[in-house]
């Protein structure tokens, strides 16, 4: 029987999601980024959830990341974000969700 190599169960500690802009080709693997799952809470609508995930992306990857909305629509949040660590800011996003 062949070895499964680096296969891990979803949800296990070694489970990692990798995003590749070029669809996984050799050239695109250099530009990959490990994606971590971070729970931000439940939101009342798609737009509110998309904004929360945009803010998380900005905190983790900076202003060059791909967003659903214009960067200029987050001016106030960017000022708040600069004063907090990642963990503190993710906690504040969770507290703003509808299920907190």
PDB file of N, CA and C in Angstrom:
ATOM      1  N   UNK A   1       0.844  -1.181   0.000  1.00  0.00           N
ATOM      2  CA  UNK A   1       0.000   0.000   0.000  1.00  0.00           C
ATOM      3  C   UNK A   1       0.885   1.239   0.000  1.00  0.00           C
ATOM      4  N   UNK A   2       0.548   2.213  -0.811  1.00  0.00           N
ATOM      5  CA  UNK A   2       1.344   3.438  -0.936  1.00  0.00           C
ATOM      6  C   UNK A   2       1.151   4.326   0.284  1.00  0.00           C
ATOM      7  N   UNK A   3       2.196   5.020   0.651  1.00  0.00           N
ATOM      8  CA  UNK A   3       2.137   5.944   1.766  1.00  0.00           C
ATOM      9  C   UNK A   3       1.345   7.188   1.361  1.00  0.00           C
ATOM     10  N   UNK A   4       0.621   7.734   2.300  1.00  0.00           N
ATOM     11  CA  UNK A   4      -0.149   8.938   2.023  1.00  0.00           C
ATOM     12  C   UNK A   4       0.708  10.191   2.139  1.00  0.00           C
ATOM     13  N   UNK A   5       1.959  10.046   2.477  1.00  0.00           N
ATOM     14  CA  UNK A   5       2.861  11.187   2.522  1.00  0.00           C
ATOM     15  C   UNK A   5       2.479  12.197   3.576  1.00  0.00           C
ATOM     16  N   UNK A   6       2.221  13.413   3.155  1.00  0.00           N
ATOM     17  CA  UNK A   6       1.956  14.493   4.112  1.00  0.00           C
ATOM     18  C   UNK A   6       0.467  14.743   4.309  1.00  0.00           C
ATOM     19  N   UNK A   7      -0.367  13.755   4.041  1.00  0.00           N
ATOM     20  CA  UNK A   7      -1.802  13.937   4.236  1.00  0.00           C
ATOM     21  C   UNK A   7      -2.125  14.032   5.724  1.00  0.00           C
ATOM     22  N   UNK A   8      -2.951  15.002   6.078  1.00  0.00           N
ATOM     23  CA  UNK A   8      -3.391  15.172   7.461  1.00  0.00           C
ATOM     24  C   UNK A   8      -4.892  15.389   7.466  1.00  0.00           C
ATOM     25  N   UNK A   9      -5.517  14.956   8.519  1.00  0.00           N
ATOM     26  CA  UNK A   9      -6.952  15.161   8.649  1.00  0.00           C
ATOM     27  C   UNK A   9      -7.255  16.649   8.735  1.00  0.00           C
ATOM     28  N   UNK A  10      -8.345  17.114   8.096  1.00  0.00           N
ATOM     29  CA  UNK A  10      -8.741  18.508   8.254  1.00  0.00           C
ATOM     30  C   UNK A  10      -8.988  18.811   9.734  1.00  0.00           C
ATOM     31  N   UNK A  11      -8.524  19.942  10.169  1.00  0.00           N
ATOM     32  CA  UNK A  11      -8.706  20.332  11.563  1.00  0.00           C
ATOM     33  C   UNK A  11      -7.566  19.904  12.462  1.00  0.00           C
ATOM     34  N   UNK A  12      -6.680  19.039  11.970  1.00  0.00           N
ATOM     35  CA  UNK A  12      -5.558  18.631  12.805  1.00  0.00           C
ATOM     36  C   UNK A  12      -4.541  19.766  12.862  1.00  0.00           C
ATOM     37  N   UNK A  13      -3.599  19.679  13.771  1.00  0.00           N
ATOM     38  CA  UNK A  13      -2.618  20.738  13.942  1.00  0.00           C
ATOM     39  C   UNK A  13      -1.803  20.990  12.683  1.00  0.00           C
ATOM     40  N   UNK A  14      -1.578  19.952  11.903  1.00  0.00           N
ATOM     41  CA  UNK A  14      -0.746  20.102  10.718  1.00  0.00           C
ATOM     42  C   UNK A  14      -1.549  20.477   9.475  1.00  0.00           C
ATOM     43  N   UNK A  15      -2.848  20.649   9.603  1.00  0.00           N
ATOM     44  CA  UNK A  15      -3.696  21.035   8.484  1.00  0.00           C
ATOM     45  C   UNK A  15      -3.414  22.498   8.136  1.00  0.00           C
ATOM     46  N   UNK A  16      -3.009  22.764   6.926  1.00  0.00           N
ATOM     47  CA  UNK A  16      -2.739  24.123   6.467  1.00  0.00           C
ATOM     48  C   UNK A  16      -3.391  24.319   5.109  1.00  0.00           C
ATOM     49  N   UNK A  17      -3.897  25.488   4.889  1.00  0.00           N
ATOM     50  CA  UNK A  17      -4.479  25.832   3.596  1.00  0.00           C
ATOM     51  C   UNK A  17      -3.480  26.716   2.858  1.00  0.00           C
ATOM     52  N   UNK A  18      -3.246  26.409   1.603  1.00  0.00           N
ATOM     53  CA  UNK A  18      -2.310  27.209   0.823  1.00  0.00           C
ATOM     54  C   UNK A  18      -3.046  27.774  -0.377  1.00  0.00           C
ATOM     55  N   UNK A  19      -2.880  29.045  -0.579  1.00  0.00           N
ATOM     56  CA  UNK A  19      -3.501  29.723  -1.694  1.00  0.00           C
ATOM     57  C   UNK A  19      -2.426  30.026  -2.729  1.00  0.00           C
ATOM     58  N   UNK A  20      -2.689  29.703  -3.970  1.00  0.00           N
ATOM     59  CA  UNK A  20      -1.718  29.965  -5.025  1.00  0.00           C
ATOM     60  C   UNK A  20      -2.386  30.764  -6.136  1.00  0.00           C
ATOM     61  N   UNK A  21      -1.922  31.969  -6.390  1.00  0.00           N
ATOM     62  CA  UNK A  21      -2.566  32.801  -7.408  1.00  0.00           C
ATOM     63  C   UNK A  21      -2.485  32.229  -8.812  1.00  0.00           C
ATOM     64  N   UNK A  22      -1.522  31.375  -9.095  1.00  0.00           N
ATOM     65  CA  UNK A  22      -1.392  30.834 -10.447  1.00  0.00           C
ATOM     66  C   UNK A  22      -1.960  29.421 -10.567  1.00  0.00           C
ATOM     67  N   UNK A  23      -2.718  28.990  -9.598  1.00  0.00           N
ATOM     68  CA  UNK A  23      -3.351  27.683  -9.689  1.00  0.00           C
ATOM     69  C   UNK A  23      -2.451  26.524  -9.313  1.00  0.00           C
ATOM     70  N   UNK A  24      -1.346  26.772  -8.632  1.00  0.00           N
ATOM     71  CA  UNK A  24      -0.505  25.697  -8.145  1.00  0.00           C
ATOM     72  C   UNK A  24       0.642  25.314  -9.053  1.00  0.00           C
ATOM     73  N   UNK A  25       0.925  26.094 -10.094  1.00  0.00           N
ATOM     74  CA  UNK A  25       2.048  25.771 -10.963  1.00  0.00           C
ATOM     75  C   UNK A  25       3.355  26.071 -10.245  1.00  0.00           C
ATOM     76  N   UNK A  26       4.457  25.590 -10.786  1.00  0.00           N
ATOM     77  CA  UNK A  26       5.767  25.764 -10.155  1.00  0.00           C
ATOM     78  C   UNK A  26       6.096  27.240  -9.961  1.00  0.00           C
ATOM     79  N   UNK A  27       5.744  28.093 -10.927  1.00  0.00           N
ATOM     80  CA  UNK A  27       6.038  29.514 -10.798  1.00  0.00           C
ATOM     81  C   UNK A  27       5.211  30.140  -9.674  1.00  0.00           C
ATOM     82  N   UNK A  28       3.991  29.670  -9.498  1.00  0.00           N
ATOM     83  CA  UNK A  28       3.094  30.253  -8.506  1.00  0.00           C
ATOM     84  C   UNK A  28       3.399  29.827  -7.086  1.00  0.00           C
ATOM     85  N   UNK A  29       4.090  28.714  -6.906  1.00  0.00           N
ATOM     86  CA  UNK A  29       4.355  28.237  -5.558  1.00  0.00           C
ATOM     87  C   UNK A  29       5.242  29.192  -4.771  1.00  0.00           C
ATOM     88  N   UNK A  30       6.079  29.945  -5.442  1.00  0.00           N
ATOM     89  CA  UNK A  30       6.928  30.914  -4.751  1.00  0.00           C
ATOM     90  C   UNK A  30       6.100  32.056  -4.191  1.00  0.00           C
ATOM     91  N   UNK A  31       4.937  32.303  -4.755  1.00  0.00           N
ATOM     92  CA  UNK A  31       4.100  33.421  -4.320  1.00  0.00           C
ATOM     93  C   UNK A  31       2.960  32.962  -3.409  1.00  0.00           C
ATOM     94  N   UNK A  32       3.024  31.761  -2.877  1.00  0.00           N
ATOM     95  CA  UNK A  32       1.942  31.256  -2.031  1.00  0.00           C
ATOM     96  C   UNK A  32       2.029  31.836  -0.639  1.00  0.00           C
ATOM     97  N   UNK A  33       0.920  31.777   0.044  1.00  0.00           N
ATOM     98  CA  UNK A  33       0.822  32.299   1.391  1.00  0.00           C
ATOM     99  C   UNK A  33       0.039  31.286   2.213  1.00  0.00           C
ATOM    100  N   UNK A  34       0.497  30.950   3.386  1.00  0.00           N
ATOM    101  CA  UNK A  34      -0.231  30.023   4.241  1.00  0.00           C
ATOM    102  C   UNK A  34      -1.440  30.757   4.804  1.00  0.00           C
ATOM    103  N   UNK A  35      -2.609  30.163   4.621  1.00  0.00           N
ATOM    104  CA  UNK A  35      -3.844  30.767   5.084  1.00  0.00           C
ATOM    105  C   UNK A  35      -4.243  30.098   6.392  1.00  0.00           C
ATOM    106  N   UNK A  36      -4.427  30.875   7.419  1.00  0.00           N
ATOM    107  CA  UNK A  36      -4.872  30.343   8.703  1.00  0.00           C
ATOM    108  C   UNK A  36      -6.354  30.635   8.854  1.00  0.00           C
ATOM    109  N   UNK A  37      -7.056  29.686   9.400  1.00  0.00           N
ATOM    110  CA  UNK A  37      -8.477  29.897   9.669  1.00  0.00           C
ATOM    111  C   UNK A  37      -8.610  30.657  10.981  1.00  0.00           C
ATOM    112  N   UNK A  38      -9.305  31.754  10.919  1.00  0.00           N
ATOM    113  CA  UNK A  38      -9.534  32.576  12.104  1.00  0.00           C
ATOM    114  C   UNK A  38     -11.027  32.855  12.174  1.00  0.00           C
ATOM    115  N   UNK A  39     -11.659  32.443  13.274  1.00  0.00           N
ATOM    116  CA  UNK A  39     -13.093  32.664  13.440  1.00  0.00           C
ATOM    117  C   UNK A  39     -13.318  34.101  13.876  1.00  0.00           C
ATOM    118  N   UNK A  40     -14.147  34.832  13.126  1.00  0.00           N
ATOM    119  CA  UNK A  40     -14.422  36.227  13.441  1.00  0.00           C
ATOM    120  C   UNK A  40     -15.821  36.445  13.977  1.00  0.00           C
ATOM    121  N   UNK A  41     -16.600  35.400  14.128  1.00  0.00           N
ATOM    122  CA  UNK A  41     -17.954  35.535  14.648  1.00  0.00           C
ATOM    123  C   UNK A  41     -18.981  35.401  13.539  1.00  0.00           C
ATOM    124  N   UNK A  42     -20.236  35.594  13.902  1.00  0.00           N
ATOM    125  CA  UNK A  42     -21.345  35.544  12.951  1.00  0.00           C
ATOM    126  C   UNK A  42     -21.838  36.966  12.729  1.00  0.00           C
ATOM    127  N   UNK A  43     -22.145  37.278  11.497  1.00  0.00           N
ATOM    128  CA  UNK A  43     -22.588  38.622  11.151  1.00  0.00           C
ATOM    129  C   UNK A  43     -23.965  38.564  10.525  1.00  0.00           C
ATOM    130  N   UNK A  44     -24.704  39.652  10.621  1.00  0.00           N
ATOM    131  CA  UNK A  44     -26.085  39.701  10.162  1.00  0.00           C
ATOM    132  C   UNK A  44     -26.257  39.633   8.661  1.00  0.00           C
ATOM    133  N   UNK A  45     -25.234  39.944   7.913  1.00  0.00           N
ATOM    134  CA  UNK A  45     -25.344  39.924   6.454  1.00  0.00           C
ATOM    135  C   UNK A  45     -24.009  39.661   5.802  1.00  0.00           C
ATOM    136  N   UNK A  46     -24.069  39.435   4.493  1.00  0.00           N
ATOM    137  CA  UNK A  46     -22.852  39.130   3.743  1.00  0.00           C
ATOM    138  C   UNK A  46     -21.886  40.308   3.728  1.00  0.00           C
ATOM    139  N   UNK A  47     -22.413  41.516   3.601  1.00  0.00           N
ATOM    140  CA  UNK A  47     -21.543  42.694   3.542  1.00  0.00           C
ATOM    141  C   UNK A  47     -20.790  42.891   4.854  1.00  0.00           C
ATOM    142  N   UNK A  48     -21.459  42.735   5.976  1.00  0.00           N
ATOM    143  CA  UNK A  48     -20.804  42.879   7.280  1.00  0.00           C
ATOM    144  C   UNK A  48     -19.717  41.826   7.467  1.00  0.00           C
ATOM    145  N   UNK A  49     -19.990  40.600   7.040  1.00  0.00           N
ATOM    146  CA  UNK A  49     -18.998  39.529   7.151  1.00  0.00           C
ATOM    147  C   UNK A  49     -17.803  39.799   6.233  1.00  0.00           C
ATOM    148  N   UNK A  50     -18.072  40.255   5.018  1.00  0.00           N
ATOM    149  CA  UNK A  50     -16.992  40.559   4.074  1.00  0.00           C
ATOM    150  C   UNK A  50     -16.113  41.687   4.597  1.00  0.00           C
ATOM    151  N   UNK A  51     -16.718  42.692   5.223  1.00  0.00           N
ATOM    152  CA  UNK A  51     -15.943  43.792   5.795  1.00  0.00           C
ATOM    153  C   UNK A  51     -15.058  43.296   6.947  1.00  0.00           C
ATOM    154  N   UNK A  52     -15.577  42.406   7.776  1.00  0.00           N
ATOM    155  CA  UNK A  52     -14.787  41.857   8.883  1.00  0.00           C
ATOM    156  C   UNK A  52     -13.589  41.073   8.340  1.00  0.00           C
ATOM    157  N   UNK A  53     -13.799  40.287   7.301  1.00  0.00           N
ATOM    158  CA  UNK A  53     -12.697  39.522   6.731  1.00  0.00           C
ATOM    159  C   UNK A  53     -11.708  40.420   5.986  1.00  0.00           C
ATOM    160  N   UNK A  54     -12.184  41.523   5.388  1.00  0.00           N
ATOM    161  CA  UNK A  54     -11.270  42.509   4.810  1.00  0.00           C
ATOM    162  C   UNK A  54     -10.374  43.103   5.891  1.00  0.00           C
ATOM    163  N   UNK A  55     -10.961  43.464   7.022  1.00  0.00           N
ATOM    164  CA  UNK A  55     -10.187  44.055   8.110  1.00  0.00           C
ATOM    165  C   UNK A  55      -9.162  43.068   8.655  1.00  0.00           C
ATOM    166  N   UNK A  56      -9.540  41.814   8.757  1.00  0.00           N
ATOM    167  CA  UNK A  56      -8.596  40.791   9.206  1.00  0.00           C
ATOM    168  C   UNK A  56      -7.443  40.677   8.216  1.00  0.00           C
ATOM    169  N   UNK A  57      -7.739  40.679   6.921  1.00  0.00           N
ATOM    170  CA  UNK A  57      -6.696  40.590   5.898  1.00  0.00           C
ATOM    171  C   UNK A  57      -5.761  41.790   5.966  1.00  0.00           C
ATOM    172  N   UNK A  58      -6.312  42.971   6.187  1.00  0.00           N
ATOM    173  CA  UNK A  58      -5.479  44.164   6.314  1.00  0.00           C
ATOM    174  C   UNK A  58      -4.542  44.062   7.511  1.00  0.00           C
ATOM    175  N   UNK A  59      -5.048  43.551   8.620  1.00  0.00           N
ATOM    176  CA  UNK A  59      -4.221  43.433   9.820  1.00  0.00           C
ATOM    177  C   UNK A  59      -3.108  42.408   9.620  1.00  0.00           C
ATOM    178  N   UNK A  60      -3.415  41.299   8.973  1.00  0.00           N
ATOM    179  CA  UNK A  60      -2.432  40.232   8.791  1.00  0.00           C
ATOM    180  C   UNK A  60      -1.448  40.522   7.661  1.00  0.00           C
ATOM    181  N   UNK A  61      -1.913  41.053   6.532  1.00  0.00           N
ATOM    182  CA  UNK A  61      -1.082  41.136   5.342  1.00  0.00           C
ATOM    183  C   UNK A  61      -0.818  42.547   4.838  1.00  0.00           C
ATOM    184  N   UNK A  62      -1.406  43.548   5.455  1.00  0.00           N
ATOM    185  CA  UNK A  62      -1.114  44.922   5.062  1.00  0.00           C
ATOM    186  C   UNK A  62      -1.977  45.449   3.932  1.00  0.00           C
ATOM    187  N   UNK A  63      -1.632  46.632   3.480  1.00  0.00           N
ATOM    188  CA  UNK A  63      -2.442  47.383   2.521  1.00  0.00           C
ATOM    189  C   UNK A  63      -2.395  46.820   1.101  1.00  0.00           C
ATOM    190  N   UNK A  64      -1.471  45.926   0.804  1.00  0.00           N
ATOM    191  CA  UNK A  64      -1.355  45.377  -0.555  1.00  0.00           C
ATOM    192  C   UNK A  64      -2.216  44.142  -0.781  1.00  0.00           C
ATOM    193  N   UNK A  65      -2.960  43.715   0.230  1.00  0.00           N
ATOM    194  CA  UNK A  65      -3.786  42.521   0.095  1.00  0.00           C
ATOM    195  C   UNK A  65      -5.025  42.808  -0.755  1.00  0.00           C
ATOM    196  N   UNK A  66      -5.632  41.779  -1.293  1.00  0.00           N
ATOM    197  CA  UNK A  66      -6.845  41.916  -2.102  1.00  0.00           C
ATOM    198  C   UNK A  66      -8.040  42.046  -1.159  1.00  0.00           C
ATOM    199  N   UNK A  67      -8.867  43.061  -1.409  1.00  0.00           N
ATOM    200  CA  UNK A  67     -10.029  43.336  -0.557  1.00  0.00           C
ATOM    201  C   UNK A  67     -11.315  43.265  -1.370  1.00  0.00           C
ATOM    202  N   UNK A  68     -12.428  43.108  -0.663  1.00  0.00           N
ATOM    203  CA  UNK A  68     -13.736  43.137  -1.310  1.00  0.00           C
ATOM    204  C   UNK A  68     -14.231  44.557  -1.520  1.00  0.00           C
ATOM    205  N   UNK A  69     -13.787  45.492  -0.673  1.00  0.00           N
ATOM    206  CA  UNK A  69     -14.211  46.883  -0.743  1.00  0.00           C
ATOM    207  C   UNK A  69     -12.982  47.772  -0.881  1.00  0.00           C
ATOM    208  N   UNK A  70     -13.186  49.033  -1.228  1.00  0.00           N
ATOM    209  CA  UNK A  70     -12.075  49.967  -1.398  1.00  0.00           C
ATOM    210  C   UNK A  70     -11.353  50.203  -0.076  1.00  0.00           C
ATOM    211  N   UNK A  71     -10.046  50.320  -0.148  1.00  0.00           N
ATOM    212  CA  UNK A  71      -9.227  50.570   1.036  1.00  0.00           C
ATOM    213  C   UNK A  71      -9.645  51.871   1.716  1.00  0.00           C
ATOM    214  N   UNK A  72     -10.031  52.875   0.938  1.00  0.00           N
ATOM    215  CA  UNK A  72     -10.415  54.171   1.503  1.00  0.00           C
ATOM    216  C   UNK A  72     -11.656  54.089   2.394  1.00  0.00           C
ATOM    217  N   UNK A  73     -12.453  53.035   2.249  1.00  0.00           N
ATOM    218  CA  UNK A  73     -13.648  52.897   3.090  1.00  0.00           C
ATOM    219  C   UNK A  73     -13.311  52.412   4.502  1.00  0.00           C
ATOM    220  N   UNK A  74     -12.032  52.114   4.753  1.00  0.00           N
ATOM    221  CA  UNK A  74     -11.606  51.603   6.050  1.00  0.00           C
ATOM    222  C   UNK A  74     -10.700  52.578   6.810  1.00  0.00           C
ATOM    223  N   UNK A  75     -10.749  53.861   6.480  1.00  0.00           N
ATOM    224  CA  UNK A  75      -9.848  54.839   7.107  1.00  0.00           C
ATOM    225  C   UNK A  75      -9.925  54.839   8.630  1.00  0.00           C
ATOM    226  N   UNK A  76     -11.125  54.888   9.169  1.00  0.00           N
ATOM    227  CA  UNK A  76     -11.291  54.916  10.632  1.00  0.00           C
ATOM    228  C   UNK A  76     -10.801  53.614  11.265  1.00  0.00           C
ATOM    229  N   UNK A  77     -11.128  52.485  10.661  1.00  0.00           N
ATOM    230  CA  UNK A  77     -10.708  51.188  11.190  1.00  0.00           C
ATOM    231  C   UNK A  77      -9.190  51.020  11.148  1.00  0.00           C
ATOM    232  N   UNK A  78      -8.530  51.575  10.115  1.00  0.00           N
ATOM    233  CA  UNK A  78      -7.077  51.471  10.007  1.00  0.00           C
ATOM    234  C   UNK A  78      -6.387  52.201  11.161  1.00  0.00           C
ATOM    235  N   UNK A  79      -6.939  53.342  11.571  1.00  0.00           N
ATOM    236  CA  UNK A  79      -6.371  54.078  12.708  1.00  0.00           C
ATOM    237  C   UNK A  79      -6.495  53.254  13.990  1.00  0.00           C
ATOM    238  N   UNK A  80      -7.658  52.656  14.191  1.00  0.00           N
ATOM    239  CA  UNK A  80      -7.890  51.802  15.362  1.00  0.00           C
ATOM    240  C   UNK A  80      -6.982  50.576  15.329  1.00  0.00           C
ATOM    241  N   UNK A  81      -6.802  50.010  14.140  1.00  0.00           N
ATOM    242  CA  UNK A  81      -6.020  48.793  13.952  1.00  0.00           C
ATOM    243  C   UNK A  81      -4.551  48.998  14.317  1.00  0.00           C
ATOM    244  N   UNK A  82      -4.002  50.154  13.997  1.00  0.00           N
ATOM    245  CA  UNK A  82      -2.583  50.431  14.234  1.00  0.00           C
ATOM    246  C   UNK A  82      -2.213  50.385  15.711  1.00  0.00           C
ATOM    247  N   UNK A  83      -3.163  50.666  16.576  1.00  0.00           N
ATOM    248  CA  UNK A  83      -2.901  50.741  18.011  1.00  0.00           C
ATOM    249  C   UNK A  83      -3.007  49.399  18.718  1.00  0.00           C
ATOM    250  N   UNK A  84      -3.381  48.340  17.998  1.00  0.00           N
ATOM    251  CA  UNK A  84      -3.632  47.046  18.629  1.00  0.00           C
ATOM    252  C   UNK A  84      -2.788  45.947  17.986  1.00  0.00           C
ATOM    253  N   UNK A  85      -2.500  44.912  18.791  1.00  0.00           N
ATOM    254  CA  UNK A  85      -1.831  43.724  18.254  1.00  0.00           C
ATOM    255  C   UNK A  85      -2.845  42.932  17.423  1.00  0.00           C
ATOM    256  N   UNK A  86      -2.366  41.928  16.709  1.00  0.00           N
ATOM    257  CA  UNK A  86      -3.274  41.080  15.931  1.00  0.00           C
ATOM    258  C   UNK A  86      -4.343  40.454  16.818  1.00  0.00           C
ATOM    259  N   UNK A  87      -3.915  39.881  17.926  1.00  0.00           N
ATOM    260  CA  UNK A  87      -4.848  39.186  18.813  1.00  0.00           C
ATOM    261  C   UNK A  87      -5.905  40.145  19.369  1.00  0.00           C
ATOM    262  N   UNK A  88      -5.466  41.332  19.767  1.00  0.00           N
ATOM    263  CA  UNK A  88      -6.410  42.319  20.304  1.00  0.00           C
ATOM    264  C   UNK A  88      -7.405  42.751  19.235  1.00  0.00           C
ATOM    265  N   UNK A  89      -6.910  42.958  18.017  1.00  0.00           N
ATOM    266  CA  UNK A  89      -7.799  43.422  16.965  1.00  0.00           C
ATOM    267  C   UNK A  89      -8.790  42.340  16.541  1.00  0.00           C
ATOM    268  N   UNK A  90      -8.342  41.099  16.437  1.00  0.00           N
ATOM    269  CA  UNK A  90      -9.255  39.999  16.102  1.00  0.00           C
ATOM    270  C   UNK A  90     -10.318  39.871  17.193  1.00  0.00           C
ATOM    271  N   UNK A  91      -9.917  40.036  18.453  1.00  0.00           N
ATOM    272  CA  UNK A  91     -10.883  40.019  19.555  1.00  0.00           C
ATOM    273  C   UNK A  91     -11.914  41.123  19.412  1.00  0.00           C
ATOM    274  N   UNK A  92     -11.481  42.308  18.980  1.00  0.00           N
ATOM    275  CA  UNK A  92     -12.437  43.406  18.801  1.00  0.00           C
ATOM    276  C   UNK A  92     -13.392  43.119  17.646  1.00  0.00           C
ATOM    277  N   UNK A  93     -12.909  42.461  16.577  1.00  0.00           N
ATOM    278  CA  UNK A  93     -13.802  42.083  15.479  1.00  0.00           C
ATOM    279  C   UNK A  93     -14.839  41.061  15.952  1.00  0.00           C
ATOM    280  N   UNK A  94     -14.411  40.125  16.769  1.00  0.00           N
ATOM    281  CA  UNK A  94     -15.351  39.125  17.299  1.00  0.00           C
ATOM    282  C   UNK A  94     -16.412  39.787  18.168  1.00  0.00           C
ATOM    283  N   UNK A  95     -16.013  40.750  18.964  1.00  0.00           N
ATOM    284  CA  UNK A  95     -16.980  41.442  19.837  1.00  0.00           C
ATOM    285  C   UNK A  95     -17.996  42.250  19.045  1.00  0.00           C
ATOM    286  N   UNK A  96     -17.637  42.661  17.840  1.00  0.00           N
ATOM    287  CA  UNK A  96     -18.563  43.414  16.980  1.00  0.00           C
ATOM    288  C   UNK A  96     -19.535  42.510  16.231  1.00  0.00           C
ATOM    289  N   UNK A  97     -19.315  41.203  16.292  1.00  0.00           N
ATOM    290  CA  UNK A  97     -20.204  40.279  15.579  1.00  0.00           C
ATOM    291  C   UNK A  97     -21.543  40.178  16.306  1.00  0.00           C
ATOM    292  N   UNK A  98     -22.533  39.606  15.635  1.00  0.00           N
ATOM    293  CA  UNK A  98     -23.874  39.523  16.201  1.00  0.00           C
ATOM    294  C   UNK A  98     -24.013  38.441  17.267  1.00  0.00           C
ATOM    295  N   UNK A  99     -23.049  37.516  17.334  1.00  0.00           N
ATOM    296  CA  UNK A  99     -23.205  36.413  18.286  1.00  0.00           C
ATOM    297  C   UNK A  99     -22.415  36.627  19.573  1.00  0.00           C
ATOM    298  N   UNK A 100     -21.820  37.819  19.751  1.00  0.00           N
ATOM    299  CA  UNK A 100     -21.033  38.045  20.949  1.00  0.00           C
ATOM    300  C   UNK A 100     -21.902  38.372  22.127  1.00  0.00           C
TER     301      UNK A 100
END
